Protein backbone atom coordinates (compact mmCIF):
# COMPACT_ATOMS: atom_id res chain seq x y z
CA MET A 1 59.07 6.32 -6.17
CA ALA A 2 55.67 6.12 -4.39
CA ASN A 3 54.70 2.80 -6.25
CA LEU A 4 58.48 1.53 -5.01
CA ASP A 5 57.36 2.62 -1.53
CA PHE A 6 53.94 1.26 -1.78
CA VAL A 7 55.05 -2.00 -3.08
CA GLU A 8 58.14 -2.04 -0.36
CA GLY A 9 55.57 -1.60 2.17
CA ILE A 10 54.10 -4.79 1.00
CA PHE A 11 56.65 -7.08 0.20
CA GLY A 12 59.86 -5.86 1.86
CA ASN A 13 62.22 -6.73 4.29
CA GLY A 14 60.14 -7.40 7.48
CA GLY A 15 58.67 -4.03 7.28
CA ASP A 16 62.10 -1.98 7.57
CA PRO A 17 64.26 -1.94 4.78
CA TYR A 18 67.32 -0.48 6.99
CA LEU A 19 67.92 -3.50 9.01
CA PRO A 20 70.55 -5.53 7.18
CA GLU A 21 68.97 -8.83 8.45
CA ASN A 22 65.75 -8.36 6.58
CA ASP A 23 67.34 -7.10 3.11
CA ALA A 24 66.80 -10.10 0.87
CA SER A 25 69.16 -8.63 -1.24
CA LEU A 26 71.85 -9.35 1.25
CA ASP A 27 71.08 -12.95 1.70
CA PRO A 28 72.21 -14.23 -1.92
CA GLU A 29 72.00 -18.05 -0.12
CA GLY A 30 67.95 -17.39 -0.04
CA TRP A 31 67.79 -16.73 -3.66
CA THR A 32 65.62 -18.82 -6.11
CA GLY A 33 67.77 -17.98 -9.40
CA HIS A 34 65.19 -16.47 -11.15
CA THR A 35 64.87 -12.64 -12.30
CA GLY A 36 61.74 -10.58 -12.47
CA LEU A 37 61.23 -6.94 -13.44
CA VAL A 38 58.23 -4.92 -13.24
CA VAL A 39 57.99 -1.75 -15.34
CA LEU A 40 55.28 0.74 -14.41
CA ALA A 41 54.47 3.03 -17.43
CA PRO A 42 51.27 4.45 -17.34
CA HIS A 43 52.49 7.06 -20.40
CA LEU A 44 52.40 3.93 -22.88
CA THR A 45 48.45 4.57 -22.83
CA ARG A 46 49.16 7.82 -25.04
CA LEU A 47 51.09 6.24 -27.56
CA THR A 48 49.72 5.34 -31.01
CA LYS A 49 50.16 1.88 -32.54
CA LYS A 50 52.06 3.71 -35.47
CA GLU A 51 54.74 4.97 -32.69
CA LEU A 52 54.85 1.60 -31.34
CA GLY A 53 55.86 -0.18 -34.55
CA LEU A 54 52.89 -1.95 -35.70
CA PRO A 55 52.11 -2.25 -39.22
CA ARG A 56 49.51 -0.73 -41.39
CA TYR A 57 46.18 -2.65 -41.70
CA GLU A 58 47.39 -3.31 -45.52
CA ASP A 59 50.83 -5.00 -44.60
CA ALA A 60 49.17 -6.81 -41.27
CA THR A 61 48.97 -10.31 -41.10
CA GLY A 62 45.53 -12.38 -40.32
CA ARG A 63 46.53 -12.74 -36.67
CA GLN A 64 47.58 -9.13 -36.75
CA ARG A 65 44.45 -7.95 -38.27
CA ARG A 66 42.30 -10.14 -35.84
CA ASP A 67 43.93 -9.00 -32.68
CA GLY A 68 43.91 -5.34 -33.58
CA MET A 69 47.36 -5.18 -33.60
CA CYS A 70 47.61 -2.76 -36.96
CA TRP A 71 46.39 0.67 -37.81
CA THR A 72 44.32 2.41 -40.48
CA ASP A 73 44.70 6.07 -38.77
CA ASP A 74 47.89 7.68 -37.64
CA ASP A 75 46.53 9.04 -34.66
CA GLU A 76 45.42 5.66 -33.51
CA LEU A 77 45.97 4.77 -30.08
CA TYR A 78 47.40 1.49 -28.85
CA ASN A 79 44.68 -0.76 -26.67
CA GLY A 80 42.16 2.28 -27.57
CA GLY A 81 44.15 4.52 -25.09
CA SER A 82 43.13 2.14 -22.44
CA ALA A 83 45.29 0.53 -19.42
CA PHE A 84 47.42 -3.05 -20.38
CA LYS A 85 49.68 -5.29 -18.96
CA ALA A 86 52.20 -6.99 -21.67
CA CYS A 87 54.37 -9.70 -19.90
CA ALA A 88 57.15 -12.01 -21.27
CA ARG A 89 58.75 -15.22 -19.47
CA ASP A 90 60.79 -18.14 -20.06
CA GLU A 91 61.74 -21.46 -18.88
CA ARG A 92 65.02 -20.19 -17.52
CA GLY A 93 62.52 -18.34 -14.76
CA VAL A 94 63.20 -14.61 -16.69
CA ILE A 95 59.74 -12.60 -16.47
CA VAL A 96 59.32 -9.20 -17.52
CA THR A 97 56.16 -7.00 -16.95
CA VAL A 98 55.40 -3.66 -18.68
CA ILE A 99 51.94 -2.28 -16.93
CA ALA A 100 50.61 0.68 -18.30
CA ASP A 101 48.19 1.84 -15.52
CA ASN A 102 48.89 4.17 -12.65
CA TYR A 103 47.02 1.84 -10.36
CA PHE A 104 49.73 0.56 -7.67
CA GLY A 105 47.93 -2.55 -7.17
CA TYR A 106 48.36 -3.97 -10.12
CA CYS A 107 52.04 -3.85 -9.69
CA LYS A 108 51.58 -5.18 -6.48
CA LYS A 109 49.46 -8.37 -8.02
CA GLU A 110 52.29 -8.72 -10.70
CA VAL A 111 55.06 -9.06 -7.81
CA LYS A 112 52.97 -11.76 -6.47
CA ALA A 113 52.65 -13.41 -9.75
CA GLN A 114 56.19 -13.64 -10.29
CA ILE A 115 57.09 -14.73 -6.54
CA SER A 116 54.64 -17.84 -7.38
CA TYR A 117 56.53 -18.33 -11.04
CA ALA A 118 59.62 -18.64 -8.80
CA ALA A 119 58.43 -20.52 -6.25
CA ASN A 120 56.90 -23.19 -9.29
CA LEU A 121 60.12 -23.29 -11.08
CA LEU A 122 62.29 -23.80 -8.24
CA GLY A 123 60.07 -26.58 -6.46
CA MET A 124 59.65 -27.91 -3.12
CA VAL A 125 59.11 -24.32 -1.48
CA GLU A 126 56.24 -22.14 -0.51
CA GLU A 127 55.21 -18.65 -1.34
CA GLU A 128 55.93 -16.38 1.56
CA HIS A 129 52.96 -14.34 0.33
CA SER A 130 50.86 -16.67 -0.54
CA GLY A 131 47.86 -15.50 1.41
CA GLY A 132 47.48 -19.20 3.04
CA ALA A 133 47.95 -20.53 6.43
CA THR A 134 49.23 -24.10 8.09
CA ALA A 135 47.22 -24.97 10.95
CA TYR A 136 47.78 -27.83 13.25
CA PRO A 137 45.47 -28.82 16.14
CA ALA A 138 46.21 -27.50 19.73
CA THR A 139 44.76 -28.31 23.22
CA THR A 140 45.54 -26.00 26.29
CA SER A 141 46.63 -27.51 29.61
CA GLY A 142 45.80 -23.77 31.39
CA ARG A 143 43.69 -23.61 34.37
CA ARG A 144 39.89 -22.01 34.07
CA SER A 145 39.35 -19.23 35.65
CA PRO A 146 36.01 -19.22 38.00
CA ALA A 147 33.85 -17.52 35.30
CA GLN A 148 34.84 -20.39 33.08
CA SER A 149 33.89 -23.30 35.03
CA PRO A 150 30.78 -25.20 34.33
CA THR A 151 30.06 -25.27 38.11
CA GLY A 152 31.08 -21.50 38.81
CA SER A 153 33.00 -22.63 41.52
CA GLY A 154 36.51 -22.30 40.10
CA SER A 155 37.42 -26.10 40.04
CA PRO A 156 37.15 -28.21 37.29
CA THR A 157 36.14 -31.19 39.19
CA SER A 158 33.42 -29.31 41.76
CA SER A 159 30.29 -31.35 42.95
CA PRO A 160 27.25 -29.82 41.36
CA ALA A 161 24.97 -27.32 43.31
CA THR A 162 22.16 -28.67 45.24
CA HIS A 163 19.00 -27.44 46.34
CA SER A 164 15.65 -28.85 47.85
CA GLY A 165 12.91 -29.97 46.13
CA SER A 166 9.42 -30.70 47.01
CA SER A 167 10.00 -33.02 49.28
CA GLY A 168 12.64 -31.18 51.00
CA SER A 169 15.58 -33.58 50.33
CA PRO A 170 18.67 -31.99 48.39
CA ARG A 171 18.89 -33.04 45.08
CA ALA A 172 21.55 -32.43 42.14
CA THR A 173 20.96 -29.86 39.69
CA PRO A 174 23.20 -28.83 36.78
CA SER A 175 24.53 -25.40 37.42
CA THR A 176 26.04 -24.71 33.75
CA PRO A 177 26.03 -20.99 32.95
CA SER A 178 24.29 -19.97 30.08
CA ARG A 179 26.12 -19.73 26.86
CA THR A 180 28.45 -22.19 28.39
CA THR A 181 28.57 -25.86 27.66
CA SER A 182 30.71 -28.79 29.01
CA CYS A 183 33.09 -31.05 27.28
CA TRP A 184 35.67 -33.63 27.75
CA CYS A 185 38.93 -32.95 26.74
CA PRO A 186 41.76 -35.78 25.50
CA ARG A 187 43.69 -35.81 28.58
CA ALA A 188 44.09 -38.21 31.53
CA PRO A 189 42.24 -38.21 34.05
CA PRO A 190 39.38 -36.71 32.05
CA THR A 191 38.43 -32.97 33.29
CA PRO A 192 35.33 -31.26 31.87
CA CYS A 193 35.98 -27.84 30.48
CA ALA A 194 34.04 -24.80 29.39
CA THR A 195 33.73 -23.78 25.84
CA THR A 196 31.13 -21.01 24.83
CA ALA A 197 28.92 -21.36 22.33
């Protein structure tokens, strides 16, 4: 039950399984038509090869001997007693995975793999939990605050500040604040805007 709650918290129902509009099980028109099952069974690491029906070494094929899918001692544990995952799937879209471990994250990763499998078989769809993003260019037409203005006056078209030089005549000097540069946005008429470095 704890694992179900963990996986539901990541994949399920818009964060609230009690809202019917977020429950995928009530939306058959959105189903892909594929079937997935994940069995979390950490107790399997304590079963012996004999208990799981693997043959004796003498009765095993060459491949079973090569892959360690046979036993010589009655108490020989499957996979050496370590965690493992077994997965079977077919072209109809049925996928079944048995995870012999107590780490919930493996179940989350397997659910994601099954979503990917269903999306690939259906075609022309995108995984909801793909971890990617679609980005589009955007611009803003909003006004800047005085602190953002290149001239510090609050007006995008303000004249540059002036000060007296050695001859006493005023001359224009750039008054762009530090860490701020001017750029021209693709709008008509051109208006300088501030971007922070």
